[in-house]
């Protein structure tokens, strides 16, 4: 939740500097979100290198990871802030080395929290079970976001 809030504060600061906040505030909601992967008690952001991504994905092979997604909704007219978080668990089958190599070579895995991209065509068949929602794993928990929007309005 802290990262989503920091992002929101940076955006609000920019809106105030440019004067857009007062002009558009009558009907605008600012929605920020962030996702992290928690593996063996350690928070994983985006991998910093191909080697770190390889290490992350190898660790998931035959195991599991938690995904925590946070959302913050700010009503720019009233200043009301509503935030929350959601957690999902992803359990994997064994991930073959050639799949890991392909994911690393493609590079998109370097741009996602924990190097974990549930919906990727190479990853999806290797997912055994998701406890929680897939949209939480993919970065924006839909039901939570809708709830927070209603509360902010």
N, C-alpha and C. Protein backbone atom coordinates (compact mmCIF):
# COMPACT_ATOMS: atom_id res chain seq x y z
N UNK A 1 0.83 -1.19 0.00
CA UNK A 1 0.00 0.00 0.00
C UNK A 1 0.87 1.25 0.00
N UNK A 2 2.02 1.18 0.62
CA UNK A 2 2.91 2.33 0.72
C UNK A 2 3.35 2.81 -0.66
N UNK A 3 3.68 1.87 -1.56
CA UNK A 3 4.12 2.27 -2.89
C UNK A 3 2.99 2.90 -3.70
N UNK A 4 1.79 2.35 -3.60
CA UNK A 4 0.66 2.95 -4.31
C UNK A 4 0.40 4.36 -3.80
N UNK A 5 0.54 4.56 -2.49
CA UNK A 5 0.34 5.88 -1.90
C UNK A 5 1.43 6.85 -2.33
N UNK A 6 2.67 6.38 -2.38
CA UNK A 6 3.77 7.24 -2.83
C UNK A 6 3.57 7.67 -4.27
N UNK A 7 3.12 6.75 -5.11
CA UNK A 7 2.84 7.08 -6.51
C UNK A 7 1.73 8.12 -6.60
N UNK A 8 0.68 7.93 -5.80
CA UNK A 8 -0.44 8.87 -5.80
C UNK A 8 0.02 10.25 -5.37
N UNK A 9 0.82 10.33 -4.32
CA UNK A 9 1.31 11.62 -3.84
C UNK A 9 2.16 12.32 -4.90
N UNK A 10 2.97 11.58 -5.62
CA UNK A 10 3.79 12.17 -6.69
C UNK A 10 2.91 12.71 -7.81
N UNK A 11 1.87 11.97 -8.16
CA UNK A 11 0.95 12.43 -9.22
C UNK A 11 0.18 13.66 -8.75
N UNK A 12 -0.31 13.63 -7.51
CA UNK A 12 -1.03 14.80 -6.97
C UNK A 12 -0.14 16.03 -6.96
N UNK A 13 1.09 15.87 -6.58
CA UNK A 13 2.03 16.99 -6.55
C UNK A 13 2.19 17.57 -7.96
N UNK A 14 2.31 16.71 -8.93
CA UNK A 14 2.45 17.15 -10.33
C UNK A 14 1.19 17.87 -10.80
N UNK A 15 0.02 17.34 -10.45
CA UNK A 15 -1.23 17.99 -10.84
C UNK A 15 -1.36 19.37 -10.21
N UNK A 16 -0.95 19.51 -8.96
CA UNK A 16 -1.02 20.81 -8.30
C UNK A 16 -0.06 21.80 -8.94
N UNK A 17 1.13 21.34 -9.32
CA UNK A 17 2.14 22.19 -9.95
C UNK A 17 1.67 22.71 -11.30
N UNK A 18 1.00 21.86 -12.06
CA UNK A 18 0.57 22.25 -13.41
C UNK A 18 -0.79 22.94 -13.42
N UNK A 19 -1.48 22.98 -12.29
CA UNK A 19 -2.77 23.65 -12.22
C UNK A 19 -3.93 22.80 -12.71
N UNK A 20 -3.69 21.56 -13.06
CA UNK A 20 -4.77 20.70 -13.55
C UNK A 20 -5.70 20.23 -12.45
N UNK A 21 -5.25 20.24 -11.24
CA UNK A 21 -6.05 19.70 -10.14
C UNK A 21 -7.37 20.43 -9.98
N UNK A 22 -7.33 21.76 -9.91
CA UNK A 22 -8.58 22.50 -9.70
C UNK A 22 -9.50 22.44 -10.91
N UNK A 23 -8.93 22.47 -12.11
CA UNK A 23 -9.75 22.46 -13.33
C UNK A 23 -10.57 21.18 -13.46
N UNK A 24 -9.93 20.04 -13.20
CA UNK A 24 -10.55 18.76 -13.49
C UNK A 24 -11.11 18.04 -12.27
N UNK A 25 -10.98 18.63 -11.11
CA UNK A 25 -11.28 17.90 -9.88
C UNK A 25 -12.76 17.56 -9.70
N UNK A 26 -13.65 18.21 -10.41
CA UNK A 26 -15.07 17.98 -10.19
C UNK A 26 -15.51 16.55 -10.45
N UNK A 27 -14.80 15.80 -11.27
CA UNK A 27 -15.27 14.44 -11.56
C UNK A 27 -14.11 13.45 -11.69
N UNK A 28 -12.99 13.73 -11.12
CA UNK A 28 -11.82 12.91 -11.35
C UNK A 28 -11.43 12.06 -10.14
N UNK A 29 -11.19 10.80 -10.41
CA UNK A 29 -10.62 9.91 -9.41
C UNK A 29 -9.21 9.54 -9.87
N UNK A 30 -8.28 9.56 -8.95
CA UNK A 30 -6.93 9.11 -9.23
C UNK A 30 -6.79 7.72 -8.63
N UNK A 31 -6.43 6.75 -9.48
CA UNK A 31 -6.29 5.37 -9.02
C UNK A 31 -4.84 4.95 -9.24
N UNK A 32 -4.19 4.54 -8.16
CA UNK A 32 -2.82 4.02 -8.27
C UNK A 32 -2.80 2.61 -7.68
N UNK A 33 -1.87 1.82 -8.19
CA UNK A 33 -1.77 0.44 -7.73
C UNK A 33 -0.32 -0.02 -7.81
N UNK A 34 0.00 -1.00 -7.01
CA UNK A 34 1.32 -1.61 -7.07
C UNK A 34 1.18 -3.07 -6.65
N UNK A 35 2.12 -3.87 -7.13
CA UNK A 35 2.12 -5.29 -6.85
C UNK A 35 3.52 -5.72 -6.47
N UNK A 36 3.61 -6.58 -5.48
CA UNK A 36 4.88 -7.23 -5.14
C UNK A 36 4.64 -8.73 -5.00
N UNK A 37 5.71 -9.48 -5.18
CA UNK A 37 5.67 -10.91 -4.95
C UNK A 37 6.42 -11.17 -3.65
N UNK A 38 5.87 -12.05 -2.84
CA UNK A 38 6.54 -12.45 -1.61
C UNK A 38 6.90 -13.93 -1.75
N UNK A 39 8.20 -14.20 -1.68
CA UNK A 39 8.69 -15.56 -1.82
C UNK A 39 9.59 -15.88 -0.63
N UNK A 40 9.22 -16.89 0.11
CA UNK A 40 9.95 -17.29 1.31
C UNK A 40 10.22 -16.10 2.24
N UNK A 41 9.19 -15.27 2.40
CA UNK A 41 9.25 -14.14 3.32
C UNK A 41 9.99 -12.92 2.80
N UNK A 42 10.46 -12.95 1.56
CA UNK A 42 11.21 -11.83 0.99
C UNK A 42 10.37 -11.16 -0.10
N UNK A 43 10.28 -9.83 -0.04
CA UNK A 43 9.53 -9.07 -1.05
C UNK A 43 10.36 -8.97 -2.31
N UNK A 44 9.73 -9.30 -3.44
CA UNK A 44 10.39 -9.21 -4.74
C UNK A 44 9.67 -8.18 -5.61
N UNK A 45 10.44 -7.19 -6.02
CA UNK A 45 9.95 -6.21 -6.99
C UNK A 45 10.33 -6.74 -8.38
N UNK A 46 10.44 -5.85 -9.36
CA UNK A 46 10.89 -6.27 -10.69
C UNK A 46 12.34 -6.74 -10.60
N UNK A 47 12.67 -7.81 -11.33
CA UNK A 47 14.06 -8.28 -11.31
C UNK A 47 15.00 -7.20 -11.84
N UNK A 48 16.17 -7.08 -11.22
CA UNK A 48 17.13 -6.05 -11.63
C UNK A 48 18.03 -6.52 -12.76
N UNK A 49 18.00 -7.80 -13.07
CA UNK A 49 18.85 -8.34 -14.14
C UNK A 49 18.25 -9.65 -14.64
N UNK A 50 18.80 -10.12 -15.75
CA UNK A 50 18.36 -11.42 -16.28
C UNK A 50 18.68 -12.53 -15.29
N UNK A 51 19.84 -12.44 -14.66
CA UNK A 51 20.23 -13.48 -13.70
C UNK A 51 19.30 -13.51 -12.50
N UNK A 52 18.90 -12.33 -12.02
CA UNK A 52 17.96 -12.30 -10.90
C UNK A 52 16.61 -12.86 -11.33
N UNK A 53 16.16 -12.54 -12.54
CA UNK A 53 14.89 -13.09 -13.05
C UNK A 53 14.97 -14.61 -13.13
N UNK A 54 16.10 -15.12 -13.59
CA UNK A 54 16.29 -16.57 -13.68
C UNK A 54 16.21 -17.20 -12.28
N UNK A 55 16.84 -16.58 -11.31
CA UNK A 55 16.82 -17.06 -9.93
C UNK A 55 15.39 -17.06 -9.39
N UNK A 56 14.64 -15.98 -9.65
CA UNK A 56 13.25 -15.89 -9.20
C UNK A 56 12.42 -17.04 -9.77
N UNK A 57 12.47 -17.21 -11.08
CA UNK A 57 11.61 -18.20 -11.75
C UNK A 57 12.00 -19.62 -11.33
N UNK A 58 13.31 -19.90 -11.22
CA UNK A 58 13.74 -21.23 -10.74
C UNK A 58 13.17 -21.51 -9.36
N UNK A 59 13.11 -20.49 -8.53
CA UNK A 59 12.57 -20.67 -7.18
C UNK A 59 11.10 -21.04 -7.18
N UNK A 60 10.36 -20.55 -8.16
CA UNK A 60 8.93 -20.86 -8.21
C UNK A 60 8.67 -22.29 -8.68
N UNK A 61 9.62 -22.88 -9.41
CA UNK A 61 9.45 -24.20 -9.99
C UNK A 61 9.12 -25.23 -8.92
N UNK A 62 7.95 -25.85 -9.06
CA UNK A 62 7.49 -26.85 -8.11
C UNK A 62 7.12 -26.28 -6.75
N UNK A 63 7.05 -24.96 -6.65
CA UNK A 63 6.74 -24.31 -5.38
C UNK A 63 5.62 -23.30 -5.52
N UNK A 64 5.67 -22.29 -4.68
CA UNK A 64 4.61 -21.27 -4.74
C UNK A 64 5.15 -19.91 -4.29
N UNK A 65 4.39 -18.90 -4.63
CA UNK A 65 4.70 -17.52 -4.25
C UNK A 65 3.40 -16.81 -3.92
N UNK A 66 3.50 -15.79 -3.09
CA UNK A 66 2.35 -14.94 -2.78
C UNK A 66 2.47 -13.66 -3.59
N UNK A 67 1.34 -13.12 -3.97
CA UNK A 67 1.31 -11.84 -4.66
C UNK A 67 0.42 -10.91 -3.83
N UNK A 68 0.93 -9.73 -3.55
CA UNK A 68 0.16 -8.74 -2.80
C UNK A 68 -0.03 -7.53 -3.71
N UNK A 69 -1.28 -7.19 -3.97
CA UNK A 69 -1.61 -6.03 -4.79
C UNK A 69 -2.29 -4.98 -3.94
N UNK A 70 -1.82 -3.75 -4.05
CA UNK A 70 -2.44 -2.66 -3.30
C UNK A 70 -3.03 -1.65 -4.28
N UNK A 71 -4.11 -1.02 -3.84
CA UNK A 71 -4.80 -0.02 -4.65
C UNK A 71 -5.14 1.17 -3.77
N UNK A 72 -4.98 2.36 -4.32
CA UNK A 72 -5.38 3.58 -3.64
C UNK A 72 -6.21 4.41 -4.60
N UNK A 73 -7.39 4.82 -4.17
CA UNK A 73 -8.28 5.66 -4.97
C UNK A 73 -8.44 6.99 -4.24
N UNK A 74 -8.18 8.09 -4.96
CA UNK A 74 -8.32 9.41 -4.38
C UNK A 74 -9.34 10.20 -5.19
N UNK A 75 -10.33 10.73 -4.50
CA UNK A 75 -11.30 11.63 -5.12
C UNK A 75 -10.66 13.01 -5.11
N UNK A 76 -10.32 13.53 -6.27
CA UNK A 76 -9.59 14.79 -6.35
C UNK A 76 -10.44 15.99 -5.95
N UNK A 77 -11.75 15.86 -6.01
CA UNK A 77 -12.61 16.96 -5.60
C UNK A 77 -12.69 17.08 -4.08
N UNK A 78 -12.85 15.92 -3.41
CA UNK A 78 -13.05 15.94 -1.95
C UNK A 78 -11.79 15.65 -1.16
N UNK A 79 -10.79 15.06 -1.82
CA UNK A 79 -9.57 14.67 -1.12
C UNK A 79 -9.69 13.33 -0.41
N UNK A 80 -10.83 12.68 -0.52
CA UNK A 80 -11.04 11.39 0.12
C UNK A 80 -10.09 10.34 -0.46
N UNK A 81 -9.43 9.61 0.43
CA UNK A 81 -8.51 8.54 0.04
C UNK A 81 -9.05 7.21 0.57
N UNK A 82 -9.15 6.24 -0.30
CA UNK A 82 -9.57 4.90 0.09
C UNK A 82 -8.56 3.91 -0.48
N UNK A 83 -8.03 3.09 0.40
CA UNK A 83 -7.02 2.14 -0.03
C UNK A 83 -7.23 0.77 0.56
N UNK A 84 -6.61 -0.21 -0.06
CA UNK A 84 -6.69 -1.56 0.44
C UNK A 84 -5.70 -2.45 -0.29
N UNK A 85 -5.66 -3.69 0.13
CA UNK A 85 -4.77 -4.65 -0.50
C UNK A 85 -5.45 -6.01 -0.59
N UNK A 86 -4.91 -6.83 -1.49
CA UNK A 86 -5.44 -8.17 -1.70
C UNK A 86 -4.25 -9.10 -1.92
N UNK A 87 -4.42 -10.35 -1.50
CA UNK A 87 -3.34 -11.32 -1.61
C UNK A 87 -3.82 -12.54 -2.39
N UNK A 88 -2.92 -13.09 -3.20
CA UNK A 88 -3.19 -14.34 -3.90
C UNK A 88 -1.96 -15.24 -3.79
N UNK A 89 -2.19 -16.54 -3.84
CA UNK A 89 -1.11 -17.53 -3.82
C UNK A 89 -1.09 -18.23 -5.18
N UNK A 90 0.12 -18.38 -5.73
CA UNK A 90 0.27 -19.07 -7.01
C UNK A 90 1.17 -20.30 -6.79
N UNK A 91 0.65 -21.47 -7.13
CA UNK A 91 1.38 -22.73 -7.02
C UNK A 91 1.76 -23.20 -8.42
N UNK A 92 3.01 -23.61 -8.57
CA UNK A 92 3.54 -23.98 -9.88
C UNK A 92 3.89 -25.46 -9.96
N UNK A 93 3.75 -26.00 -11.18
CA UNK A 93 4.36 -27.28 -11.51
C UNK A 93 5.85 -27.00 -11.71
N UNK A 94 6.63 -28.02 -11.99
CA UNK A 94 8.04 -27.80 -12.32
C UNK A 94 8.13 -26.96 -13.59
N UNK A 95 9.03 -26.01 -13.58
CA UNK A 95 9.22 -25.12 -14.74
C UNK A 95 10.50 -25.56 -15.45
N UNK A 96 10.38 -26.09 -16.68
CA UNK A 96 11.56 -26.57 -17.40
C UNK A 96 12.56 -25.43 -17.69
N UNK A 97 13.84 -25.79 -17.72
CA UNK A 97 14.90 -24.81 -17.98
C UNK A 97 14.70 -24.09 -19.30
N UNK A 98 14.21 -24.79 -20.32
CA UNK A 98 14.02 -24.15 -21.63
C UNK A 98 12.91 -23.09 -21.58
N UNK A 99 11.92 -23.29 -20.74
CA UNK A 99 10.87 -22.27 -20.56
C UNK A 99 11.47 -21.05 -19.85
N UNK A 100 12.26 -21.29 -18.83
CA UNK A 100 12.91 -20.18 -18.13
C UNK A 100 13.79 -19.40 -19.10
N UNK A 101 14.58 -20.12 -19.91
CA UNK A 101 15.45 -19.46 -20.90
C UNK A 101 14.64 -18.62 -21.87
N UNK A 102 13.53 -19.15 -22.35
CA UNK A 102 12.68 -18.41 -23.30
C UNK A 102 12.08 -17.16 -22.67
N UNK A 103 11.61 -17.28 -21.43
CA UNK A 103 11.04 -16.13 -20.73
C UNK A 103 12.10 -15.03 -20.54
N UNK A 104 13.31 -15.44 -20.17
CA UNK A 104 14.40 -14.48 -19.95
C UNK A 104 14.78 -13.82 -21.27
N UNK A 105 14.91 -14.61 -22.31
CA UNK A 105 15.32 -14.08 -23.62
C UNK A 105 14.28 -13.08 -24.16
N UNK A 106 13.02 -13.40 -23.97
CA UNK A 106 11.96 -12.50 -24.43
C UNK A 106 12.03 -11.15 -23.71
N UNK A 107 12.36 -11.17 -22.42
CA UNK A 107 12.62 -9.95 -21.68
C UNK A 107 11.45 -9.33 -20.94
N UNK A 108 10.22 -9.66 -21.30
CA UNK A 108 9.07 -9.01 -20.66
C UNK A 108 9.02 -9.33 -19.16
N UNK A 109 9.55 -10.46 -18.76
CA UNK A 109 9.57 -10.88 -17.35
C UNK A 109 10.35 -9.89 -16.49
N UNK A 110 11.28 -9.16 -17.11
CA UNK A 110 12.08 -8.18 -16.38
C UNK A 110 11.25 -6.96 -15.96
N UNK A 111 10.06 -6.84 -16.50
CA UNK A 111 9.21 -5.66 -16.25
C UNK A 111 8.06 -5.92 -15.30
N UNK A 112 8.05 -7.08 -14.64
CA UNK A 112 6.93 -7.40 -13.75
C UNK A 112 7.44 -7.83 -12.38
N UNK A 113 6.65 -7.54 -11.37
CA UNK A 113 7.04 -7.86 -9.99
C UNK A 113 7.40 -9.34 -9.85
N UNK A 114 8.55 -9.58 -9.27
CA UNK A 114 8.99 -10.94 -9.01
C UNK A 114 9.27 -11.77 -10.25
N UNK A 115 9.29 -11.13 -11.43
CA UNK A 115 9.47 -11.87 -12.67
C UNK A 115 8.34 -12.85 -12.92
N UNK A 116 7.18 -12.58 -12.31
CA UNK A 116 6.04 -13.51 -12.35
C UNK A 116 4.93 -12.92 -13.21
N UNK A 117 4.69 -13.57 -14.34
CA UNK A 117 3.64 -13.11 -15.24
C UNK A 117 2.68 -14.28 -15.50
N UNK A 118 1.64 -14.31 -14.69
CA UNK A 118 0.69 -15.42 -14.71
C UNK A 118 0.11 -15.69 -16.09
N UNK A 119 -0.25 -14.64 -16.81
CA UNK A 119 -0.98 -14.79 -18.07
C UNK A 119 -0.10 -15.09 -19.27
N UNK A 120 1.21 -15.13 -19.10
CA UNK A 120 2.11 -15.40 -20.23
C UNK A 120 1.86 -16.81 -20.76
N UNK A 121 1.81 -16.97 -22.09
CA UNK A 121 1.53 -18.30 -22.67
C UNK A 121 2.53 -19.40 -22.26
N UNK A 122 3.75 -19.02 -21.92
CA UNK A 122 4.71 -20.02 -21.46
C UNK A 122 4.52 -20.35 -19.98
N UNK A 123 4.03 -19.41 -19.22
CA UNK A 123 3.86 -19.58 -17.77
C UNK A 123 2.53 -20.25 -17.42
N UNK A 124 1.46 -19.81 -18.06
CA UNK A 124 0.11 -20.26 -17.69
C UNK A 124 -0.05 -21.78 -17.62
N UNK A 125 0.47 -22.55 -18.58
CA UNK A 125 0.30 -24.01 -18.48
C UNK A 125 1.05 -24.63 -17.29
N UNK A 126 1.97 -23.89 -16.71
CA UNK A 126 2.77 -24.41 -15.60
C UNK A 126 2.23 -24.01 -14.24
N UNK A 127 1.11 -23.28 -14.25
CA UNK A 127 0.46 -22.89 -13.00
C UNK A 127 -0.45 -24.03 -12.57
N UNK A 128 -0.22 -24.52 -11.37
CA UNK A 128 -1.04 -25.60 -10.83
C UNK A 128 -2.34 -25.04 -10.25
N UNK A 129 -2.22 -24.06 -9.35
CA UNK A 129 -3.38 -23.52 -8.66
C UNK A 129 -3.16 -22.05 -8.33
N UNK A 130 -4.22 -21.28 -8.41
CA UNK A 130 -4.21 -19.90 -7.92
C UNK A 130 -5.26 -19.82 -6.82
N UNK A 131 -4.83 -19.44 -5.64
CA UNK A 131 -5.76 -19.22 -4.53
C UNK A 131 -5.89 -17.71 -4.39
N UNK A 132 -7.05 -17.21 -4.71
CA UNK A 132 -7.26 -15.77 -4.82
C UNK A 132 -7.67 -15.47 -6.25
N UNK A 133 -7.53 -14.23 -6.66
CA UNK A 133 -7.97 -13.86 -8.00
C UNK A 133 -6.79 -13.67 -8.94
N UNK A 134 -6.99 -14.06 -10.19
CA UNK A 134 -5.96 -13.88 -11.21
C UNK A 134 -5.68 -12.40 -11.44
N UNK A 135 -6.72 -11.55 -11.34
CA UNK A 135 -6.50 -10.12 -11.57
C UNK A 135 -5.62 -9.50 -10.49
N UNK A 136 -5.62 -10.05 -9.30
CA UNK A 136 -4.70 -9.60 -8.25
C UNK A 136 -3.27 -9.91 -8.68
N UNK A 137 -3.05 -11.13 -9.18
CA UNK A 137 -1.73 -11.53 -9.63
C UNK A 137 -1.27 -10.66 -10.81
N UNK A 138 -2.20 -10.30 -11.67
CA UNK A 138 -1.85 -9.53 -12.87
C UNK A 138 -1.70 -8.03 -12.60
N UNK A 139 -2.00 -7.57 -11.38
CA UNK A 139 -1.65 -6.20 -11.06
C UNK A 139 -2.75 -5.25 -10.65
N UNK A 140 -4.02 -5.61 -10.83
CA UNK A 140 -5.09 -4.71 -10.40
C UNK A 140 -6.29 -5.53 -9.97
N UNK A 141 -6.44 -5.74 -8.66
CA UNK A 141 -7.58 -6.51 -8.17
C UNK A 141 -8.90 -5.79 -8.48
N UNK A 142 -9.66 -6.36 -9.38
CA UNK A 142 -10.87 -5.70 -9.89
C UNK A 142 -11.91 -5.43 -8.81
N UNK A 143 -12.29 -6.44 -8.04
CA UNK A 143 -13.34 -6.24 -7.03
C UNK A 143 -12.91 -5.23 -5.98
N UNK A 144 -11.66 -5.28 -5.56
CA UNK A 144 -11.15 -4.32 -4.58
C UNK A 144 -11.18 -2.90 -5.16
N UNK A 145 -10.75 -2.76 -6.40
CA UNK A 145 -10.74 -1.45 -7.04
C UNK A 145 -12.14 -0.88 -7.15
N UNK A 146 -13.10 -1.71 -7.57
CA UNK A 146 -14.49 -1.25 -7.68
C UNK A 146 -15.02 -0.82 -6.31
N UNK A 147 -14.74 -1.58 -5.27
CA UNK A 147 -15.18 -1.25 -3.91
C UNK A 147 -14.60 0.10 -3.48
N UNK A 148 -13.31 0.30 -3.72
CA UNK A 148 -12.66 1.54 -3.31
C UNK A 148 -13.18 2.74 -4.11
N UNK A 149 -13.49 2.54 -5.37
CA UNK A 149 -14.07 3.62 -6.18
C UNK A 149 -15.41 4.05 -5.59
N UNK A 150 -16.25 3.07 -5.26
CA UNK A 150 -17.55 3.39 -4.67
C UNK A 150 -17.39 4.13 -3.35
N UNK A 151 -16.44 3.71 -2.52
CA UNK A 151 -16.20 4.36 -1.25
C UNK A 151 -15.68 5.79 -1.43
N UNK A 152 -14.85 6.00 -2.45
CA UNK A 152 -14.28 7.32 -2.69
C UNK A 152 -15.29 8.30 -3.25
N UNK A 153 -16.31 7.77 -3.93
CA UNK A 153 -17.34 8.63 -4.51
C UNK A 153 -18.31 9.07 -3.41
